[in-house]
Amino acid sequence: MKKIVFILILTSSTLFSCSKDDTNENASTNDTFSDLSNISGDEGSRIEVTQNDEDLVFTGSNVLGWGGASLLNLNYSKNLRLLHDDFETLYLTFSVPSNLDFIEAAVGSHGLSGSTLQLIDTENLDSVIVEMYTTENQERNQFLGTLEIRRNVSYLNDVLDMVGSFEITRDGQIIKGLFWKKEVANW
């Protein structure tokens, strides 16, 4: 009898611990949001680059945006710049269909296109296209990877208007990043 009770207790604790972890629908697939301890100040960014089996960390205190442009057929784009100390500026561009509000388009998970969207290809946008790149000699060096943006993220006793997390690759180099801004005045 003691053996049966022990087995029942072990089985039920295993079931409850699994279901608790498995049913969290709001859990992010990107674990960067689980640790916001690197956030400091009202805006900024942190980049981790894995290169030659060494992790390099770059920080920045400026997140600039949202600049915008008109595309064809009343579609539009918005962009954001992440400025870092001793690391190249990262650009984010969202090309958005005219029937979508930018906040709705920006918040969520996005796969990066990895190529430059040409103006001629923006006439019939039916979904958001997100590019992340750096520039060198006026040429875009595109990244592949994922980006997630959240709004109204609780941090300590405050709320951040925007927190973004990404994992990108370029030439076999893995770059992970986090950026935040307490107030995004002109979404």
N, C-alpha and C. Protein backbone atom coordinates (compact mmCIF):
# COMPACT_ATOMS: atom_id res chain seq x y z
N MET A 1 0.82 -1.19 0.00
CA MET A 1 0.00 0.00 0.00
C MET A 1 0.87 1.26 0.00
N LYS A 2 1.93 1.27 0.82
CA LYS A 2 2.81 2.43 0.88
C LYS A 2 3.47 2.66 -0.49
N LYS A 3 3.79 1.57 -1.17
CA LYS A 3 4.40 1.68 -2.49
C LYS A 3 3.45 2.34 -3.48
N ILE A 4 2.18 2.00 -3.43
CA ILE A 4 1.18 2.56 -4.35
C ILE A 4 0.99 4.05 -4.07
N VAL A 5 0.92 4.44 -2.79
CA VAL A 5 0.77 5.85 -2.43
C VAL A 5 1.98 6.64 -2.90
N PHE A 6 3.18 6.09 -2.72
CA PHE A 6 4.39 6.76 -3.16
C PHE A 6 4.38 6.97 -4.68
N ILE A 7 3.98 5.96 -5.41
CA ILE A 7 3.93 6.04 -6.88
C ILE A 7 2.89 7.08 -7.30
N LEU A 8 1.74 7.12 -6.63
CA LEU A 8 0.71 8.10 -6.96
C LEU A 8 1.20 9.53 -6.70
N ILE A 9 1.89 9.73 -5.58
CA ILE A 9 2.41 11.06 -5.26
C ILE A 9 3.46 11.48 -6.28
N LEU A 10 4.36 10.57 -6.62
CA LEU A 10 5.40 10.87 -7.59
C LEU A 10 4.79 11.19 -8.95
N THR A 11 3.81 10.40 -9.38
CA THR A 11 3.16 10.61 -10.68
C THR A 11 2.42 11.93 -10.71
N SER A 12 1.66 12.24 -9.65
CA SER A 12 0.89 13.49 -9.66
C SER A 12 1.80 14.71 -9.61
N SER A 13 2.90 14.64 -8.84
CA SER A 13 3.81 15.80 -8.82
C SER A 13 4.49 16.00 -10.17
N THR A 14 4.79 14.91 -10.86
CA THR A 14 5.37 15.00 -12.19
C THR A 14 4.38 15.61 -13.17
N LEU A 15 3.13 15.17 -13.11
CA LEU A 15 2.11 15.71 -14.01
C LEU A 15 1.88 17.19 -13.77
N PHE A 16 1.78 17.60 -12.50
CA PHE A 16 1.53 19.00 -12.20
C PHE A 16 2.70 19.88 -12.60
N SER A 17 3.91 19.41 -12.37
CA SER A 17 5.06 20.23 -12.75
C SER A 17 5.18 20.35 -14.26
N CYS A 18 4.85 19.31 -15.01
CA CYS A 18 4.90 19.39 -16.47
C CYS A 18 3.81 20.29 -17.01
N SER A 19 2.58 20.12 -16.48
CA SER A 19 1.50 20.91 -17.02
C SER A 19 1.67 22.39 -16.70
N LYS A 20 2.26 22.71 -15.58
CA LYS A 20 2.49 24.10 -15.24
C LYS A 20 3.43 24.75 -16.27
N ASP A 21 4.49 24.07 -16.65
CA ASP A 21 5.42 24.62 -17.63
C ASP A 21 4.86 24.61 -19.04
N ASP A 22 4.12 23.57 -19.38
CA ASP A 22 3.66 23.40 -20.74
C ASP A 22 2.47 24.27 -21.10
N THR A 23 1.70 24.72 -20.11
CA THR A 23 0.49 25.46 -20.44
C THR A 23 0.66 26.96 -20.39
N ASN A 24 1.85 27.45 -20.20
CA ASN A 24 2.05 28.89 -20.19
C ASN A 24 2.05 29.40 -21.62
N GLU A 25 0.87 29.86 -22.06
CA GLU A 25 0.72 30.29 -23.45
C GLU A 25 1.43 31.59 -23.73
N ASN A 26 1.71 32.37 -22.69
CA ASN A 26 2.36 33.65 -22.89
C ASN A 26 3.87 33.55 -22.87
N ALA A 27 4.39 32.37 -22.70
CA ALA A 27 5.85 32.21 -22.64
C ALA A 27 6.46 32.50 -24.00
N SER A 28 7.55 33.20 -24.00
CA SER A 28 8.22 33.53 -25.24
C SER A 28 9.10 32.38 -25.67
N THR A 29 9.21 32.20 -26.97
CA THR A 29 10.13 31.19 -27.47
C THR A 29 11.56 31.70 -27.39
N ASN A 30 11.70 33.00 -27.23
CA ASN A 30 13.02 33.60 -27.12
C ASN A 30 13.28 33.87 -25.64
N ASP A 31 14.28 33.23 -25.04
CA ASP A 31 14.49 33.33 -23.60
C ASP A 31 15.12 34.64 -23.16
N THR A 32 15.40 35.56 -24.08
CA THR A 32 16.00 36.83 -23.71
C THR A 32 15.07 37.62 -22.79
N PHE A 33 13.76 37.47 -22.95
CA PHE A 33 12.81 38.20 -22.12
C PHE A 33 12.76 37.69 -20.69
N SER A 34 13.25 36.48 -20.45
CA SER A 34 13.22 35.94 -19.10
C SER A 34 14.26 36.60 -18.20
N ASP A 35 15.25 37.28 -18.76
CA ASP A 35 16.27 37.95 -17.97
C ASP A 35 16.42 39.38 -18.46
N LEU A 36 15.79 40.30 -17.74
CA LEU A 36 15.87 41.71 -18.10
C LEU A 36 16.87 42.44 -17.21
N SER A 37 17.74 41.70 -16.54
CA SER A 37 18.67 42.32 -15.59
C SER A 37 19.70 43.22 -16.26
N ASN A 38 19.88 43.09 -17.57
CA ASN A 38 20.86 43.93 -18.26
C ASN A 38 20.29 45.29 -18.66
N ILE A 39 19.01 45.50 -18.40
CA ILE A 39 18.40 46.78 -18.73
C ILE A 39 18.86 47.83 -17.75
N SER A 40 19.29 48.98 -18.27
CA SER A 40 19.66 50.10 -17.42
C SER A 40 19.29 51.38 -18.15
N GLY A 41 18.67 52.29 -17.47
CA GLY A 41 18.28 53.55 -18.08
C GLY A 41 16.97 53.45 -18.83
N ASP A 42 16.53 54.60 -19.35
CA ASP A 42 15.24 54.68 -20.04
C ASP A 42 15.26 54.10 -21.44
N GLU A 43 16.44 54.00 -22.06
CA GLU A 43 16.54 53.38 -23.37
C GLU A 43 17.95 52.85 -23.55
N GLY A 44 18.07 51.85 -24.37
CA GLY A 44 19.40 51.31 -24.63
C GLY A 44 19.35 49.96 -25.29
N SER A 45 20.51 49.36 -25.42
CA SER A 45 20.60 48.06 -26.07
C SER A 45 21.81 47.30 -25.55
N ARG A 46 21.75 46.00 -25.74
CA ARG A 46 22.85 45.11 -25.37
C ARG A 46 22.97 44.07 -26.48
N ILE A 47 24.16 43.93 -27.01
CA ILE A 47 24.43 42.99 -28.10
C ILE A 47 25.47 42.00 -27.62
N GLU A 48 25.22 40.72 -27.85
CA GLU A 48 26.19 39.67 -27.55
C GLU A 48 26.57 38.99 -28.85
N VAL A 49 27.86 39.00 -29.15
CA VAL A 49 28.36 38.41 -30.38
C VAL A 49 29.23 37.22 -30.02
N THR A 50 28.93 36.06 -30.62
CA THR A 50 29.77 34.89 -30.43
C THR A 50 30.72 34.81 -31.62
N GLN A 51 32.00 34.93 -31.32
CA GLN A 51 33.00 34.96 -32.38
C GLN A 51 34.24 34.21 -31.91
N ASN A 52 34.66 33.22 -32.70
CA ASN A 52 35.83 32.41 -32.35
C ASN A 52 35.71 31.84 -30.93
N ASP A 53 34.54 31.28 -30.64
CA ASP A 53 34.25 30.69 -29.32
C ASP A 53 34.42 31.67 -28.17
N GLU A 54 34.27 32.96 -28.44
CA GLU A 54 34.36 33.98 -27.41
C GLU A 54 33.11 34.85 -27.48
N ASP A 55 32.54 35.19 -26.31
CA ASP A 55 31.37 36.05 -26.26
C ASP A 55 31.81 37.49 -26.03
N LEU A 56 31.44 38.37 -26.96
CA LEU A 56 31.74 39.79 -26.84
C LEU A 56 30.44 40.52 -26.55
N VAL A 57 30.46 41.51 -25.65
CA VAL A 57 29.26 42.24 -25.28
C VAL A 57 29.45 43.72 -25.63
N PHE A 58 28.43 44.28 -26.30
CA PHE A 58 28.43 45.69 -26.67
C PHE A 58 27.16 46.32 -26.13
N THR A 59 27.27 47.51 -25.58
CA THR A 59 26.09 48.19 -25.05
C THR A 59 25.90 49.51 -25.78
N GLY A 60 24.69 50.00 -25.71
CA GLY A 60 24.38 51.29 -26.31
C GLY A 60 23.33 51.99 -25.49
N SER A 61 23.29 53.29 -25.58
CA SER A 61 22.34 54.04 -24.78
C SER A 61 21.31 54.78 -25.62
N ASN A 62 21.30 54.55 -26.95
CA ASN A 62 20.35 55.24 -27.81
C ASN A 62 19.60 54.28 -28.72
N VAL A 63 18.29 54.44 -28.74
CA VAL A 63 17.41 53.74 -29.67
C VAL A 63 16.63 54.84 -30.38
N LEU A 64 16.92 55.05 -31.66
CA LEU A 64 16.32 56.16 -32.39
C LEU A 64 15.27 55.67 -33.37
N GLY A 65 14.16 56.35 -33.45
CA GLY A 65 13.10 56.01 -34.40
C GLY A 65 11.82 56.64 -33.93
N TRP A 66 10.85 56.46 -34.58
CA TRP A 66 10.59 55.69 -35.78
C TRP A 66 10.54 56.65 -36.96
N GLY A 67 11.51 56.60 -37.84
CA GLY A 67 11.44 57.37 -39.08
C GLY A 67 10.53 56.62 -40.03
N GLY A 68 10.02 57.29 -41.01
CA GLY A 68 9.10 56.62 -41.91
C GLY A 68 9.27 57.04 -43.35
N ALA A 69 8.66 56.27 -44.23
CA ALA A 69 8.69 56.57 -45.66
C ALA A 69 7.41 56.04 -46.30
N SER A 70 7.04 56.66 -47.40
CA SER A 70 5.89 56.20 -48.17
C SER A 70 6.35 55.16 -49.17
N LEU A 71 5.57 54.11 -49.28
CA LEU A 71 5.82 53.08 -50.28
C LEU A 71 4.71 53.15 -51.32
N LEU A 72 4.69 52.26 -52.26
CA LEU A 72 3.67 52.28 -53.30
C LEU A 72 2.30 51.85 -52.75
N ASN A 73 1.24 52.35 -53.39
CA ASN A 73 -0.13 51.96 -53.07
C ASN A 73 -0.51 52.27 -51.62
N LEU A 74 -0.04 53.37 -51.08
CA LEU A 74 -0.30 53.84 -49.72
C LEU A 74 0.30 52.96 -48.63
N ASN A 75 1.08 51.97 -49.01
CA ASN A 75 1.82 51.19 -48.02
C ASN A 75 2.92 52.10 -47.46
N TYR A 76 3.49 51.72 -46.34
CA TYR A 76 4.48 52.59 -45.70
C TYR A 76 5.54 51.78 -44.97
N SER A 77 6.62 52.45 -44.61
CA SER A 77 7.66 51.79 -43.83
C SER A 77 8.02 52.66 -42.63
N LYS A 78 8.49 52.01 -41.59
CA LYS A 78 9.00 52.68 -40.39
C LYS A 78 10.34 52.04 -40.07
N ASN A 79 11.27 52.83 -39.54
CA ASN A 79 12.57 52.24 -39.21
C ASN A 79 13.05 52.72 -37.85
N LEU A 80 13.98 51.98 -37.34
CA LEU A 80 14.53 52.19 -36.01
C LEU A 80 16.03 51.96 -36.09
N ARG A 81 16.80 52.74 -35.34
CA ARG A 81 18.25 52.56 -35.32
C ARG A 81 18.71 52.25 -33.90
N LEU A 82 19.57 51.26 -33.77
CA LEU A 82 20.17 50.89 -32.49
C LEU A 82 21.64 51.29 -32.54
N LEU A 83 22.01 52.24 -31.71
CA LEU A 83 23.38 52.74 -31.69
C LEU A 83 24.13 52.09 -30.53
N HIS A 84 25.34 51.58 -30.79
CA HIS A 84 26.13 50.86 -29.79
C HIS A 84 27.53 51.42 -29.69
N ASP A 85 28.12 51.23 -28.53
CA ASP A 85 29.52 51.60 -28.34
C ASP A 85 30.39 50.52 -28.98
N ASP A 86 31.27 50.90 -29.89
CA ASP A 86 32.23 49.99 -30.54
C ASP A 86 31.58 48.88 -31.36
N PHE A 87 30.35 49.08 -31.80
CA PHE A 87 29.68 48.10 -32.67
C PHE A 87 28.88 48.88 -33.70
N GLU A 88 28.74 48.32 -34.87
CA GLU A 88 28.06 49.03 -35.94
C GLU A 88 26.59 49.31 -35.59
N THR A 89 26.04 50.36 -36.17
CA THR A 89 24.63 50.70 -35.98
C THR A 89 23.77 49.64 -36.65
N LEU A 90 22.76 49.18 -35.95
CA LEU A 90 21.81 48.22 -36.51
C LEU A 90 20.54 48.96 -36.89
N TYR A 91 20.02 48.66 -38.07
CA TYR A 91 18.80 49.28 -38.56
C TYR A 91 17.71 48.22 -38.64
N LEU A 92 16.49 48.62 -38.27
CA LEU A 92 15.31 47.79 -38.43
C LEU A 92 14.33 48.53 -39.33
N THR A 93 13.83 47.89 -40.36
CA THR A 93 12.83 48.50 -41.22
C THR A 93 11.63 47.57 -41.31
N PHE A 94 10.45 48.15 -41.03
CA PHE A 94 9.18 47.44 -41.15
C PHE A 94 8.47 48.01 -42.37
N SER A 95 8.21 47.19 -43.37
CA SER A 95 7.39 47.59 -44.51
C SER A 95 6.00 47.04 -44.24
N VAL A 96 5.00 47.95 -44.20
CA VAL A 96 3.68 47.62 -43.65
C VAL A 96 2.59 47.89 -44.69
N PRO A 97 1.66 46.94 -44.87
CA PRO A 97 0.52 47.20 -45.74
C PRO A 97 -0.32 48.36 -45.20
N SER A 98 -0.94 49.10 -46.09
CA SER A 98 -1.69 50.30 -45.70
C SER A 98 -2.86 50.01 -44.77
N ASN A 99 -3.38 48.80 -44.77
CA ASN A 99 -4.53 48.48 -43.93
C ASN A 99 -4.15 48.09 -42.50
N LEU A 100 -2.86 48.10 -42.16
CA LEU A 100 -2.42 47.75 -40.81
C LEU A 100 -1.88 48.95 -40.06
N ASP A 101 -2.24 49.02 -38.79
CA ASP A 101 -1.68 50.01 -37.89
C ASP A 101 -0.25 49.58 -37.54
N PHE A 102 0.65 50.54 -37.43
CA PHE A 102 2.05 50.19 -37.20
C PHE A 102 2.26 49.44 -35.89
N ILE A 103 1.60 49.85 -34.83
CA ILE A 103 1.78 49.16 -33.55
C ILE A 103 1.36 47.70 -33.67
N GLU A 104 0.22 47.46 -34.29
CA GLU A 104 -0.21 46.08 -34.51
C GLU A 104 0.82 45.31 -35.33
N ALA A 105 1.41 45.98 -36.31
CA ALA A 105 2.38 45.33 -37.18
C ALA A 105 3.69 45.05 -36.48
N ALA A 106 4.13 45.96 -35.60
CA ALA A 106 5.45 45.84 -34.98
C ALA A 106 5.47 44.85 -33.82
N VAL A 107 4.43 44.86 -33.00
CA VAL A 107 4.42 44.01 -31.81
C VAL A 107 4.22 42.55 -32.22
N GLY A 108 5.10 41.69 -31.73
CA GLY A 108 5.00 40.26 -32.03
C GLY A 108 6.31 39.71 -32.51
N SER A 109 6.26 38.50 -33.03
CA SER A 109 7.45 37.81 -33.53
C SER A 109 7.53 37.94 -35.05
N HIS A 110 8.74 38.15 -35.53
CA HIS A 110 8.95 38.34 -36.96
C HIS A 110 10.18 37.55 -37.42
N GLY A 111 10.07 36.95 -38.58
CA GLY A 111 11.24 36.40 -39.25
C GLY A 111 11.83 37.50 -40.11
N LEU A 112 13.13 37.65 -40.10
CA LEU A 112 13.77 38.69 -40.89
C LEU A 112 13.91 38.24 -42.33
N SER A 113 13.67 39.14 -43.27
CA SER A 113 13.63 38.75 -44.68
C SER A 113 15.00 38.36 -45.22
N GLY A 114 16.06 38.97 -44.74
CA GLY A 114 17.40 38.63 -45.21
C GLY A 114 17.77 39.25 -46.53
N SER A 115 16.85 40.02 -47.13
CA SER A 115 17.16 40.70 -48.38
C SER A 115 16.51 42.07 -48.38
N THR A 116 17.00 42.94 -49.25
CA THR A 116 16.49 44.31 -49.32
C THR A 116 15.24 44.35 -50.17
N LEU A 117 14.18 44.88 -49.60
CA LEU A 117 12.93 45.05 -50.33
C LEU A 117 13.05 46.27 -51.23
N GLN A 118 12.85 46.08 -52.51
CA GLN A 118 12.92 47.17 -53.48
C GLN A 118 11.58 47.90 -53.53
N LEU A 119 11.61 49.20 -53.77
CA LEU A 119 10.38 50.00 -53.83
C LEU A 119 9.38 49.41 -54.82
N ILE A 120 9.84 48.94 -55.95
CA ILE A 120 8.94 48.39 -56.97
C ILE A 120 8.15 47.18 -56.44
N ASP A 121 8.68 46.52 -55.43
CA ASP A 121 8.03 45.32 -54.87
C ASP A 121 7.09 45.64 -53.71
N THR A 122 6.83 46.92 -53.45
CA THR A 122 5.99 47.28 -52.30
C THR A 122 4.54 47.60 -52.67
N GLU A 123 4.20 47.50 -53.93
CA GLU A 123 2.85 47.88 -54.34
C GLU A 123 1.79 46.94 -53.77
N ASN A 124 2.06 45.66 -53.75
CA ASN A 124 1.05 44.69 -53.32
C ASN A 124 1.43 43.98 -52.03
N LEU A 125 1.86 44.73 -51.02
CA LEU A 125 2.20 44.12 -49.73
C LEU A 125 0.96 43.51 -49.10
N ASP A 126 1.05 42.25 -48.72
CA ASP A 126 -0.08 41.64 -48.02
C ASP A 126 0.30 41.22 -46.60
N SER A 127 1.56 41.44 -46.24
CA SER A 127 2.02 41.16 -44.88
C SER A 127 3.20 42.07 -44.55
N VAL A 128 3.53 42.11 -43.28
CA VAL A 128 4.65 42.94 -42.83
C VAL A 128 5.96 42.26 -43.24
N ILE A 129 6.88 43.03 -43.77
CA ILE A 129 8.21 42.53 -44.10
C ILE A 129 9.21 43.28 -43.23
N VAL A 130 10.01 42.53 -42.49
CA VAL A 130 10.95 43.14 -41.55
C VAL A 130 12.38 42.84 -42.01
N GLU A 131 13.17 43.90 -42.09
CA GLU A 131 14.58 43.79 -42.44
C GLU A 131 15.41 44.29 -41.28
N MET A 132 16.54 43.65 -41.03
CA MET A 132 17.52 44.12 -40.06
C MET A 132 18.86 44.11 -40.76
N TYR A 133 19.58 45.22 -40.68
CA TYR A 133 20.80 45.34 -41.48
C TYR A 133 21.75 46.37 -40.89
N THR A 134 22.95 46.37 -41.40
CA THR A 134 23.92 47.43 -41.16
C THR A 134 24.24 48.03 -42.52
N THR A 135 24.89 49.17 -42.52
CA THR A 135 25.28 49.75 -43.80
C THR A 135 26.77 50.00 -43.83
N GLU A 136 27.32 49.78 -44.99
CA GLU A 136 28.74 50.05 -45.22
C GLU A 136 28.87 50.54 -46.65
N ASN A 137 29.44 51.72 -46.81
CA ASN A 137 29.55 52.33 -48.14
C ASN A 137 28.20 52.39 -48.84
N GLN A 138 27.18 52.76 -48.10
CA GLN A 138 25.80 52.89 -48.58
C GLN A 138 25.21 51.59 -49.10
N GLU A 139 25.78 50.46 -48.72
CA GLU A 139 25.24 49.16 -49.07
C GLU A 139 24.69 48.49 -47.83
N ARG A 140 23.55 47.85 -47.97
CA ARG A 140 22.94 47.15 -46.84
C ARG A 140 23.53 45.76 -46.71
N ASN A 141 23.95 45.42 -45.50
CA ASN A 141 24.38 44.06 -45.18
C ASN A 141 23.27 43.44 -44.33
N GLN A 142 22.47 42.60 -44.95
CA GLN A 142 21.26 42.05 -44.33
C GLN A 142 21.56 40.91 -43.36
N PHE A 143 20.71 40.80 -42.35
CA PHE A 143 20.78 39.70 -41.40
C PHE A 143 19.60 38.76 -41.61
N LEU A 144 19.81 37.49 -41.31
CA LEU A 144 18.74 36.51 -41.19
C LEU A 144 18.53 36.27 -39.71
N GLY A 145 17.34 35.87 -39.33
CA GLY A 145 17.10 35.58 -37.93
C GLY A 145 15.68 35.92 -37.52
N THR A 146 15.50 36.17 -36.22
CA THR A 146 14.18 36.45 -35.68
C THR A 146 14.23 37.69 -34.81
N LEU A 147 13.09 38.35 -34.72
CA LEU A 147 12.92 39.54 -33.91
C LEU A 147 11.59 39.43 -33.19
N GLU A 148 11.57 39.83 -31.94
CA GLU A 148 10.31 39.90 -31.20
C GLU A 148 10.25 41.24 -30.50
N ILE A 149 9.11 41.91 -30.64
CA ILE A 149 8.90 43.19 -29.96
C ILE A 149 7.68 43.05 -29.06
N ARG A 150 7.84 43.52 -27.83
CA ARG A 150 6.74 43.55 -26.87
C ARG A 150 6.56 44.99 -26.39
N ARG A 151 5.34 45.28 -25.97
CA ARG A 151 5.04 46.60 -25.41
C ARG A 151 4.63 46.44 -23.96
N ASN A 152 4.79 47.52 -23.21
CA ASN A 152 4.37 47.59 -21.82
C ASN A 152 4.90 46.43 -21.00
N VAL A 153 6.21 46.28 -21.01
CA VAL A 153 6.88 45.21 -20.28
C VAL A 153 7.20 45.69 -18.87
N SER A 154 6.76 44.95 -17.87
CA SER A 154 7.05 45.31 -16.48
C SER A 154 8.50 44.99 -16.16
N TYR A 155 9.17 45.98 -15.57
CA TYR A 155 10.56 45.80 -15.17
C TYR A 155 10.76 46.51 -13.84
N LEU A 156 11.13 45.74 -12.83
CA LEU A 156 11.25 46.26 -11.47
C LEU A 156 9.96 46.99 -11.11
N ASN A 157 10.04 48.26 -10.77
CA ASN A 157 8.83 49.01 -10.42
C ASN A 157 8.39 49.95 -11.53
N ASP A 158 8.73 49.61 -12.75
CA ASP A 158 8.47 50.49 -13.87
C ASP A 158 7.89 49.69 -15.03
N VAL A 159 7.49 50.40 -16.06
CA VAL A 159 6.99 49.76 -17.28
C VAL A 159 7.75 50.34 -18.46
N LEU A 160 8.27 49.46 -19.31
CA LEU A 160 8.96 49.88 -20.52
C LEU A 160 7.97 49.82 -21.68
N ASP A 161 7.90 50.89 -22.46
CA ASP A 161 6.94 50.94 -23.57
C ASP A 161 7.29 49.92 -24.64
N MET A 162 8.58 49.69 -24.88
CA MET A 162 8.98 48.76 -25.92
C MET A 162 10.21 47.98 -25.47
N VAL A 163 10.16 46.68 -25.68
CA VAL A 163 11.34 45.82 -25.50
C VAL A 163 11.42 44.93 -26.72
N GLY A 164 12.59 44.90 -27.33
CA GLY A 164 12.81 44.05 -28.49
C GLY A 164 13.93 43.07 -28.22
N SER A 165 13.78 41.89 -28.77
CA SER A 165 14.78 40.84 -28.61
C SER A 165 15.03 40.22 -29.99
N PHE A 166 16.29 39.93 -30.28
CA PHE A 166 16.56 39.32 -31.58
C PHE A 166 17.72 38.35 -31.49
N GLU A 167 17.73 37.43 -32.44
CA GLU A 167 18.87 36.54 -32.67
C GLU A 167 19.08 36.50 -34.16
N ILE A 168 20.25 36.95 -34.59
CA ILE A 168 20.52 37.08 -36.01
C ILE A 168 21.85 36.41 -36.36
N THR A 169 22.01 36.09 -37.64
CA THR A 169 23.27 35.51 -38.10
C THR A 169 23.74 36.28 -39.33
N ARG A 170 25.06 36.34 -39.46
CA ARG A 170 25.69 36.92 -40.64
C ARG A 170 27.03 36.23 -40.80
N ASP A 171 27.25 35.63 -41.93
CA ASP A 171 28.52 34.93 -42.22
C ASP A 171 28.89 33.95 -41.11
N GLY A 172 27.92 33.22 -40.61
CA GLY A 172 28.16 32.23 -39.57
C GLY A 172 28.33 32.81 -38.17
N GLN A 173 28.24 34.11 -38.05
CA GLN A 173 28.40 34.78 -36.76
C GLN A 173 27.02 34.91 -36.11
N ILE A 174 26.90 34.52 -34.85
CA ILE A 174 25.64 34.60 -34.12
C ILE A 174 25.65 35.86 -33.27
N ILE A 175 24.59 36.66 -33.40
CA ILE A 175 24.46 37.89 -32.64
C ILE A 175 23.10 37.87 -31.96
N LYS A 176 23.10 38.03 -30.63
CA LYS A 176 21.86 38.11 -29.86
C LYS A 176 21.77 39.50 -29.28
N GLY A 177 20.55 40.01 -29.19
CA GLY A 177 20.42 41.36 -28.68
C GLY A 177 19.12 41.64 -27.97
N LEU A 178 19.15 42.68 -27.19
CA LEU A 178 18.00 43.17 -26.46
C LEU A 178 18.03 44.69 -26.57
N PHE A 179 16.89 45.31 -26.85
CA PHE A 179 16.83 46.76 -26.83
C PHE A 179 15.53 47.18 -26.18
N TRP A 180 15.52 48.38 -25.62
CA TRP A 180 14.35 48.83 -24.87
C TRP A 180 14.24 50.34 -24.94
N LYS A 181 13.02 50.80 -24.70
CA LYS A 181 12.78 52.24 -24.63
C LYS A 181 11.59 52.45 -23.71
N LYS A 182 11.77 53.32 -22.72
CA LYS A 182 10.71 53.54 -21.74
C LYS A 182 9.51 54.20 -22.38
N GLU A 183 9.74 55.19 -23.23
CA GLU A 183 8.64 55.87 -23.90
C GLU A 183 8.94 55.97 -25.38
N VAL A 184 8.02 55.47 -26.19
CA VAL A 184 8.15 55.58 -27.64
C VAL A 184 7.08 56.58 -28.08
N ALA A 185 7.49 57.82 -28.18
CA ALA A 185 6.53 58.92 -28.38
C ALA A 185 5.77 58.81 -29.70
N ASN A 186 6.43 58.47 -30.76
CA ASN A 186 5.78 58.50 -32.08
C ASN A 186 5.75 57.13 -32.73
N TRP A 187 5.00 56.23 -32.18
CA TRP A 187 4.85 54.94 -32.82
C TRP A 187 4.18 55.15 -34.16
